[in-house]
């Protein structure tokens, strides 16, 4: 009989739960809180209730359950034991690792015990199913360190799925189709006389309606505009959200969207804004900057070709926006939508975005550079708000009439 291929280091969430149950002592009643499960086990080796157990006892625990533990998880736990030079392991380190929580203790354990981890790279793993191959591909596309890739590969459960980028994309397509039917025009919709009458478009005369600074992403200049944005945000945004989560990626996307419309209100004051390019360019520029900054560590296949394709697509979309901005307007004296939102998105991507993507494990609250860029972004938003309140009147600017 042939040998079955050995499983990779990743284990599904249900299998992880089974291993957890095997480690727990039998009891008539199970504590309700997840961390209490670990407390019962930990206290067996800490009768004095000191909050610490010796690494020797910890290793004995692992060895006694070695047949029930996933080999990769066991090696990481042993790495944690080896990383404690004082010979003791605190309860919180134990809980963090067993609960798959992101923390600096993980990083330190894996860094210092890296020699104990499987020496094979993820790309060399054999016998993986389709979903495991997808997760492996995403890890290599977005993370520059083999340690982070292995940990992400082992702990990712696809719960929750990358719902943010998918939901935003579906809404953008739905609004485009609705407008296409109502206007009876799908190519260069922005040239239709009724296009700017939509309550979602940002228009300089209607900037007091604050929702327009955000909702303009659901209006696109035409199918050529929507197509490039959708392709970029799905190919780049979905893998990034799978790794970094909806909160981080949604933050970068929305920050890029708001920065884009505010940048237009400051630098191109008479023009309207449509399209999701601010958010898309924030994600893509952050991803490309992360690849450049970690070039030697990024193991994604054909990374130079992929960067070139992404830059070509971005340049085509930006060139189209510049051409449209200076093309004779279909509804003078109001010009066509501005291209400055793209630049606002890029600025967010190479500041806030790079910090979000730079460190897979460390929390944003623990990064000083994060707070610096948040302060800079806040200052810009406040400046733009006051600019919108006072500058238009002080400059005596002649704005196009409302649609």
Protein backbone atom coordinates (compact mmCIF):
# COMPACT_ATOMS: atom_id res chain seq x y z
CA UNK A 1 0.00 0.00 0.00
CA UNK A 2 1.27 3.51 -0.81
CA UNK A 3 1.96 5.98 1.89
CA UNK A 4 -0.48 8.86 2.35
CA UNK A 5 1.08 12.32 2.04
CA UNK A 6 1.81 13.85 5.39
CA UNK A 7 -0.46 16.79 6.25
CA UNK A 8 0.89 20.30 6.24
CA UNK A 9 1.28 22.33 9.39
CA UNK A 10 -2.11 23.99 9.05
CA UNK A 11 -4.98 22.48 10.98
CA UNK A 12 -8.63 23.40 10.59
CA UNK A 13 -10.44 25.16 13.40
CA UNK A 14 -12.49 22.10 14.26
CA UNK A 15 -9.38 19.95 14.54
CA UNK A 16 -7.83 22.59 16.75
CA UNK A 17 -10.86 22.44 19.03
CA UNK A 18 -10.56 18.65 19.25
CA UNK A 19 -6.91 18.91 20.31
CA UNK A 20 -7.84 21.47 22.94
CA UNK A 21 -10.45 19.12 24.36
CA UNK A 22 -7.90 16.30 24.50
CA UNK A 23 -5.59 18.43 26.62
CA UNK A 24 -8.29 19.36 29.10
CA UNK A 25 -8.84 17.30 32.26
CA UNK A 26 -12.09 15.47 32.52
CA UNK A 27 -14.61 17.27 34.64
CA UNK A 28 -18.32 17.17 35.24
CA UNK A 29 -18.77 20.83 34.39
CA UNK A 30 -16.73 22.88 31.94
CA UNK A 31 -16.00 26.50 32.77
CA UNK A 32 -17.81 28.94 30.53
CA UNK A 33 -14.90 31.28 29.79
CA UNK A 34 -12.40 29.92 27.21
CA UNK A 35 -9.38 30.98 29.25
CA UNK A 36 -10.72 29.09 32.28
CA UNK A 37 -10.22 25.88 30.30
CA UNK A 38 -6.49 26.56 30.23
CA UNK A 39 -6.50 27.62 33.89
CA UNK A 40 -7.68 24.19 35.03
CA UNK A 41 -4.89 22.49 33.13
CA UNK A 42 -2.27 25.03 34.18
CA UNK A 43 -3.18 24.75 37.87
CA UNK A 44 -2.42 21.04 37.84
CA UNK A 45 1.24 21.96 37.38
CA UNK A 46 1.07 25.06 39.57
CA UNK A 47 -0.25 23.81 42.96
CA UNK A 48 1.12 26.89 44.73
CA UNK A 49 -0.94 29.16 42.44
CA UNK A 50 2.14 31.27 41.61
CA UNK A 51 1.12 31.95 38.03
CA UNK A 52 4.23 30.19 36.71
CA UNK A 53 5.23 26.64 35.88
CA UNK A 54 8.72 25.36 35.19
CA UNK A 55 9.74 24.67 31.61
CA UNK A 56 10.51 21.11 32.69
CA UNK A 57 6.92 20.50 33.76
CA UNK A 58 5.72 22.22 30.62
CA UNK A 59 7.84 19.95 28.44
CA UNK A 60 6.61 16.91 30.36
CA UNK A 61 3.04 17.99 29.66
CA UNK A 62 3.77 18.31 25.94
CA UNK A 63 5.59 14.98 25.75
CA UNK A 64 2.77 13.17 27.53
CA UNK A 65 0.31 14.50 24.93
CA UNK A 66 2.65 14.45 21.93
CA UNK A 67 0.58 11.86 20.08
CA UNK A 68 -2.51 14.06 20.37
CA UNK A 69 -0.92 17.34 19.31
CA UNK A 70 -0.37 18.61 15.80
CA UNK A 71 3.41 18.40 15.23
CA UNK A 72 3.66 22.05 14.22
CA UNK A 73 1.76 23.23 17.30
CA UNK A 74 3.95 21.04 19.51
CA UNK A 75 7.13 22.50 17.99
CA UNK A 76 5.90 26.05 18.57
CA UNK A 77 5.08 25.23 22.18
CA UNK A 78 8.54 23.75 22.66
CA UNK A 79 9.98 26.89 21.11
CA UNK A 80 8.10 28.92 23.70
CA UNK A 81 9.59 26.77 26.46
CA UNK A 82 13.10 27.21 25.07
CA UNK A 83 12.70 30.98 24.86
CA UNK A 84 12.33 31.39 28.63
CA UNK A 85 15.85 31.63 30.00
CA UNK A 86 14.56 31.90 33.59
CA UNK A 87 13.14 28.39 33.38
CA UNK A 88 9.55 29.46 33.97
CA UNK A 89 6.48 30.07 31.83
CA UNK A 90 3.76 32.44 32.95
CA UNK A 91 0.09 31.64 32.62
CA UNK A 92 -0.64 34.43 30.15
CA UNK A 93 2.01 33.19 27.69
CA UNK A 94 0.46 29.75 27.90
CA UNK A 95 -3.05 31.11 27.26
CA UNK A 96 -1.93 33.36 24.41
CA UNK A 97 -0.28 30.57 22.51
CA UNK A 98 -3.01 28.01 23.05
CA UNK A 99 -5.70 30.55 22.13
CA UNK A 100 -3.91 31.69 18.93
CA UNK A 101 -3.86 35.30 20.12
CA UNK A 102 -1.63 37.78 18.37
CA UNK A 103 0.94 39.00 20.85
CA UNK A 104 4.61 39.76 21.17
CA UNK A 105 5.04 36.53 23.16
CA UNK A 106 4.25 34.60 19.98
CA UNK A 107 6.82 36.49 17.99
CA UNK A 108 9.49 36.10 20.64
CA UNK A 109 8.78 32.40 21.07
CA UNK A 110 8.90 31.66 17.38
CA UNK A 111 11.90 33.89 16.74
CA UNK A 112 13.99 32.39 19.52
CA UNK A 113 12.84 28.85 18.86
CA UNK A 114 12.85 29.04 15.07
CA UNK A 115 15.44 26.29 14.84
CA UNK A 116 12.83 23.86 16.18
CA UNK A 117 10.26 24.70 13.51
CA UNK A 118 9.97 22.71 10.33
CA UNK A 119 12.83 23.71 8.06
CA UNK A 120 10.82 23.33 4.87
CA UNK A 121 9.38 26.41 3.25
CA UNK A 122 5.63 26.42 2.66
CA UNK A 123 6.15 26.25 -1.09
CA UNK A 124 7.75 22.82 -0.63
CA UNK A 125 4.80 21.34 1.25
CA UNK A 126 3.25 18.36 -0.52
CA UNK A 127 -0.19 16.80 -0.41
CA UNK A 128 -2.17 20.01 0.15
CA UNK A 129 -5.78 20.39 -0.87
CA UNK A 130 -7.13 23.34 -2.85
CA UNK A 131 -8.01 25.53 0.15
CA UNK A 132 -4.61 24.91 1.75
CA UNK A 133 -2.90 25.88 -1.50
CA UNK A 134 -4.93 29.08 -1.63
CA UNK A 135 -3.97 30.00 1.94
CA UNK A 136 -0.33 29.19 1.19
CA UNK A 137 -0.49 31.40 -1.92
CA UNK A 138 -2.00 34.30 0.05
CA UNK A 139 0.70 33.95 2.72
CA UNK A 140 3.44 34.24 0.12
CA UNK A 141 1.71 37.14 -1.61
CA UNK A 142 1.38 39.34 1.46
CA UNK A 143 3.85 38.39 4.20
CA UNK A 144 7.61 38.93 3.90
CA UNK A 145 8.79 36.61 6.72
CA UNK A 146 8.71 32.83 6.61
CA UNK A 147 7.91 32.71 10.33
CA UNK A 148 4.84 34.90 9.86
CA UNK A 149 3.78 32.89 6.83
CA UNK A 150 3.96 29.63 8.75
CA UNK A 151 2.06 31.03 11.71
CA UNK A 152 -0.64 32.54 9.50
CA UNK A 153 -0.90 29.30 7.52
CA UNK A 154 -1.33 27.29 10.72
CA UNK A 155 -3.88 29.57 12.38
CA UNK A 156 -6.05 30.88 9.50
CA UNK A 157 -9.61 29.52 9.62
CA UNK A 158 -11.43 31.68 7.03
CA UNK A 159 -13.78 32.77 9.80
CA UNK A 160 -14.77 35.47 9.20
CA UNK A 161 -14.23 35.48 5.42
CA UNK A 162 -12.97 38.63 3.63
CA UNK A 163 -16.44 40.15 3.72
CA UNK A 164 -15.51 43.84 3.64
CA UNK A 165 -13.89 44.02 0.20
CA UNK A 166 -16.45 41.65 -1.31
CA UNK A 167 -19.38 43.65 0.09
CA UNK A 168 -17.98 46.99 -1.09
CA UNK A 169 -17.33 45.57 -4.55
CA UNK A 170 -20.84 44.13 -4.87
CA UNK A 171 -22.38 47.44 -3.81
CA UNK A 172 -20.30 49.35 -6.34
CA UNK A 173 -21.34 46.98 -9.13
CA UNK A 174 -24.99 47.13 -8.06
CA UNK A 175 -25.09 50.94 -8.06
CA UNK A 176 -23.34 51.04 -11.43
CA UNK A 177 -25.85 48.67 -12.99
CA UNK A 178 -28.74 50.64 -11.50
CA UNK A 179 -27.39 53.90 -12.90
CA UNK A 180 -26.66 52.25 -16.23
CA UNK A 181 -30.27 51.16 -16.57
CA UNK A 182 -31.74 54.47 -15.36
CA UNK A 183 -29.46 56.54 -17.62
CA UNK A 184 -29.51 54.01 -20.48
CA UNK A 185 -25.74 54.43 -20.70
CA UNK A 186 -22.91 52.22 -19.43
CA UNK A 187 -19.80 53.66 -21.12
CA UNK A 188 -18.69 57.10 -19.90
CA UNK A 189 -21.82 57.53 -17.82
CA UNK A 190 -20.31 60.72 -16.43
CA UNK A 191 -21.04 62.48 -19.73
CA UNK A 192 -24.79 62.02 -19.25
CA UNK A 193 -26.57 65.29 -18.35
CA UNK A 194 -28.39 63.70 -15.40
CA UNK A 195 -25.33 61.93 -13.95
CA UNK A 196 -24.39 64.59 -11.39
CA UNK A 197 -27.95 64.81 -10.08
CA UNK A 198 -27.35 61.62 -8.11
CA UNK A 199 -27.25 62.27 -4.35
CA UNK A 200 -24.13 60.11 -3.91
CA UNK A 201 -21.76 62.16 -6.08
CA UNK A 202 -19.45 64.68 -4.42
CA UNK A 203 -20.15 68.14 -5.88
CA UNK A 204 -18.38 71.29 -4.63
CA UNK A 205 -21.64 73.20 -4.35
CA UNK A 206 -23.11 70.45 -2.18
CA UNK A 207 -20.10 69.81 0.06
CA UNK A 208 -22.17 70.69 3.14
CA UNK A 209 -23.86 67.30 2.63
CA UNK A 210 -21.04 65.49 4.39
CA UNK A 211 -22.05 61.98 3.31
CA UNK A 212 -20.94 62.82 -0.24
CA UNK A 213 -17.28 62.78 0.88
CA UNK A 214 -17.70 59.02 1.33
CA UNK A 215 -20.60 57.84 -0.85
CA UNK A 216 -19.00 59.04 -4.08
CA UNK A 217 -17.22 55.64 -4.24
CA UNK A 218 -20.49 54.05 -5.42
CA UNK A 219 -20.58 56.21 -8.54
CA UNK A 220 -18.18 55.51 -11.41
CA UNK A 221 -17.45 57.39 -14.61
CA UNK A 222 -18.22 54.33 -16.73
CA UNK A 223 -17.66 50.62 -17.08
CA UNK A 224 -13.99 51.19 -17.94
CA UNK A 225 -13.55 53.07 -14.65
CA UNK A 226 -15.44 50.49 -12.59
CA UNK A 227 -13.69 47.54 -14.23
CA UNK A 228 -10.15 48.62 -13.34
CA UNK A 229 -11.09 49.54 -9.78
CA UNK A 230 -12.93 46.27 -9.16
CA UNK A 231 -10.09 44.16 -10.55
CA UNK A 232 -7.47 45.94 -8.44
CA UNK A 233 -9.41 45.89 -5.20
CA UNK A 234 -10.34 42.22 -5.53
CA UNK A 235 -6.88 41.01 -6.58
CA UNK A 236 -5.12 43.06 -3.90
CA UNK A 237 -7.73 43.86 -1.27
CA UNK A 238 -9.17 40.37 -0.70
CA UNK A 239 -5.79 38.65 0.02
CA UNK A 240 -4.79 41.55 2.26
CA UNK A 241 -8.06 41.25 4.19
CA UNK A 242 -7.57 37.49 4.55
CA UNK A 243 -4.26 38.15 6.30
CA UNK A 244 -4.81 41.42 8.18
CA UNK A 245 -8.57 41.31 8.78
CA UNK A 246 -11.49 43.51 7.81
CA UNK A 247 -10.79 46.11 10.51
CA UNK A 248 -7.27 46.96 9.36
CA UNK A 249 -7.97 46.81 5.62
CA UNK A 250 -11.30 48.62 5.99
CA UNK A 251 -9.53 51.36 7.92
CA UNK A 252 -6.98 51.88 5.14
CA UNK A 253 -9.65 51.77 2.44
CA UNK A 254 -12.03 54.23 4.11
CA UNK A 255 -9.14 56.54 5.08
CA UNK A 256 -8.07 56.59 1.43
CA UNK A 257 -11.62 57.34 0.28
CA UNK A 258 -12.04 60.27 2.70
CA UNK A 259 -8.56 61.61 1.98
CA UNK A 260 -9.32 61.47 -1.74
CA UNK A 261 -12.44 63.64 -1.61
CA UNK A 262 -10.89 66.04 0.89
CA UNK A 263 -7.81 66.39 -1.31
CA UNK A 264 -10.04 67.33 -4.24
CA UNK A 265 -11.88 69.90 -2.11
CA UNK A 266 -8.52 71.53 -1.34
CA UNK A 267 -6.53 71.15 -4.57
CA UNK A 268 -9.22 71.00 -7.30
CA UNK A 269 -11.97 73.01 -5.71
CA UNK A 270 -14.38 73.33 -8.64
CA UNK A 271 -14.50 69.67 -9.66
CA UNK A 272 -16.83 66.85 -8.58
CA UNK A 273 -15.55 63.39 -7.53
CA UNK A 274 -16.71 59.88 -8.40
CA UNK A 275 -15.22 56.40 -8.12
CA UNK A 276 -13.49 54.27 -5.51
CA UNK A 277 -9.97 55.06 -6.70
CA UNK A 278 -9.01 56.75 -3.41
CA UNK A 279 -9.56 53.55 -1.43
CA UNK A 280 -8.20 51.27 -4.16
CA UNK A 281 -5.00 53.28 -4.58
CA UNK A 282 -4.50 53.33 -0.80
CA UNK A 283 -4.52 49.52 -0.67
CA UNK A 284 -2.47 48.95 -3.83
CA UNK A 285 0.17 51.55 -2.99
CA UNK A 286 0.51 50.17 0.55
CA UNK A 287 0.93 46.65 -0.81
CA UNK A 288 3.48 47.69 -3.43
CA UNK A 289 5.41 49.76 -0.88
CA UNK A 290 5.45 46.77 1.48
CA UNK A 291 6.87 44.57 -1.28
CA UNK A 292 9.59 47.10 -2.14
CA UNK A 293 10.56 47.62 1.51
CA UNK A 294 10.77 43.85 2.09
CA UNK A 295 11.95 42.82 -1.38
CA UNK A 296 14.34 40.09 -0.26
CA UNK A 297 11.79 38.51 2.07
CA UNK A 298 8.83 38.50 -0.34
CA UNK A 299 8.67 35.09 -2.00
CA UNK A 300 5.63 35.65 -4.21
CA UNK A 301 6.18 34.25 -7.68
CA UNK A 302 6.97 36.70 -10.48
CA UNK A 303 6.88 39.61 -8.03
CA UNK A 304 8.62 41.97 -10.45
CA UNK A 305 6.14 41.14 -13.22
CA UNK A 306 3.21 41.51 -10.83
CA UNK A 307 4.43 44.90 -9.67
CA UNK A 308 4.83 45.99 -13.28
CA UNK A 309 1.29 44.86 -14.16
CA UNK A 310 -0.16 46.63 -11.09
CA UNK A 311 1.71 49.85 -11.94
CA UNK A 312 0.57 49.68 -15.57
CA UNK A 313 -3.07 49.23 -14.51
CA UNK A 314 -2.82 52.09 -12.02
CA UNK A 315 -1.16 54.33 -14.62
CA UNK A 316 -3.84 53.53 -17.21
CA UNK A 317 -6.62 54.33 -14.76
CA UNK A 318 -4.91 57.51 -13.58
CA UNK A 319 -4.21 58.59 -17.17
CA UNK A 320 -7.86 58.06 -18.03
CA UNK A 321 -8.88 60.21 -15.07
CA UNK A 322 -6.49 63.03 -16.09
CA UNK A 323 -7.73 62.93 -19.68
CA UNK A 324 -11.36 63.00 -18.58
CA UNK A 325 -10.76 65.90 -16.17
CA UNK A 326 -9.51 68.17 -18.96
CA UNK A 327 -11.85 66.86 -21.64
CA UNK A 328 -14.59 69.36 -22.60
CA UNK A 329 -17.40 68.88 -20.15
CA UNK A 330 -20.79 67.54 -21.19
CA UNK A 331 -22.47 69.90 -18.69
CA UNK A 332 -20.53 73.21 -18.63
CA UNK A 333 -19.54 75.15 -16.63
CA UNK A 334 -19.03 72.14 -14.31
CA UNK A 335 -15.86 70.20 -15.21
CA UNK A 336 -15.57 66.44 -15.35
CA UNK A 337 -14.58 64.58 -12.12
CA UNK A 338 -11.18 65.26 -10.61
CA UNK A 339 -8.18 62.90 -10.60
CA UNK A 340 -6.73 64.28 -7.34
CA UNK A 341 -8.55 61.61 -5.29
CA UNK A 342 -6.08 59.08 -6.68
CA UNK A 343 -3.19 61.04 -5.19
CA UNK A 344 -4.92 61.29 -1.82
CA UNK A 345 -5.29 57.52 -1.78
CA UNK A 346 -1.61 57.00 -2.60
CA UNK A 347 -0.61 59.32 0.25
CA UNK A 348 -2.68 57.28 2.71
CA UNK A 349 -1.29 54.01 1.35
CA UNK A 350 2.38 54.89 1.81
CA UNK A 351 1.79 56.23 5.33
CA UNK A 352 -1.01 54.56 7.27
CA UNK A 353 -1.19 51.62 4.89
CA UNK A 354 2.47 50.68 5.13
CA UNK A 355 2.29 50.63 8.93
CA UNK A 356 -0.79 48.39 8.85
CA UNK A 357 0.86 45.88 6.51
CA UNK A 358 4.36 46.04 7.96
CA UNK A 359 3.85 43.95 11.06
CA UNK A 360 1.56 40.94 11.01
CA UNK A 361 1.70 40.18 14.75
CA UNK A 362 2.19 43.48 16.56
CA UNK A 363 -0.91 45.47 17.45
CA UNK A 364 -1.26 48.90 15.87
CA UNK A 365 -1.59 50.48 19.32
CA UNK A 366 1.93 49.32 20.14
CA UNK A 367 3.57 51.00 17.14
CA UNK A 368 4.82 54.55 17.62
CA UNK A 369 4.96 55.20 13.86
CA UNK A 370 1.27 54.36 13.64
CA UNK A 371 0.37 57.16 16.07
CA UNK A 372 2.57 59.61 14.16
CA UNK A 373 0.75 58.91 10.90
CA UNK A 374 -2.65 58.95 12.62
CA UNK A 375 -1.79 62.41 14.00
CA UNK A 376 -0.73 63.57 10.52
CA UNK A 377 -3.93 62.24 8.98
CA UNK A 378 -6.04 63.90 11.69
CA UNK A 379 -4.31 67.24 11.12
CA UNK A 380 -4.97 66.96 7.38
CA UNK A 381 -8.66 66.16 7.91
CA UNK A 382 -9.09 69.09 10.31
CA UNK A 383 -7.29 71.40 7.90
CA UNK A 384 -9.49 70.26 5.02
CA UNK A 385 -12.66 70.73 7.08
CA UNK A 386 -11.75 74.31 7.97
CA UNK A 387 -10.67 74.90 4.38
CA UNK A 388 -14.11 73.82 3.17
CA UNK A 389 -15.79 76.09 5.70
CA UNK A 390 -13.81 79.27 5.10
CA UNK A 391 -11.58 79.11 2.01
CA UNK A 392 -14.28 79.04 -0.64
CA UNK A 393 -15.72 82.30 0.71
CA UNK A 394 -12.38 84.01 1.35
CA UNK A 395 -11.08 83.19 -2.11
CA UNK A 396 -14.35 84.36 -3.67
CA UNK A 397 -14.24 81.29 -5.88
CA UNK A 398 -16.82 80.95 -8.59
CA UNK A 399 -18.23 77.45 -8.31
CA UNK A 400 -20.31 75.66 -10.93
CA UNK A 401 -24.04 75.74 -10.23
CA UNK A 402 -25.52 72.80 -8.34
CA UNK A 403 -26.77 69.97 -10.58
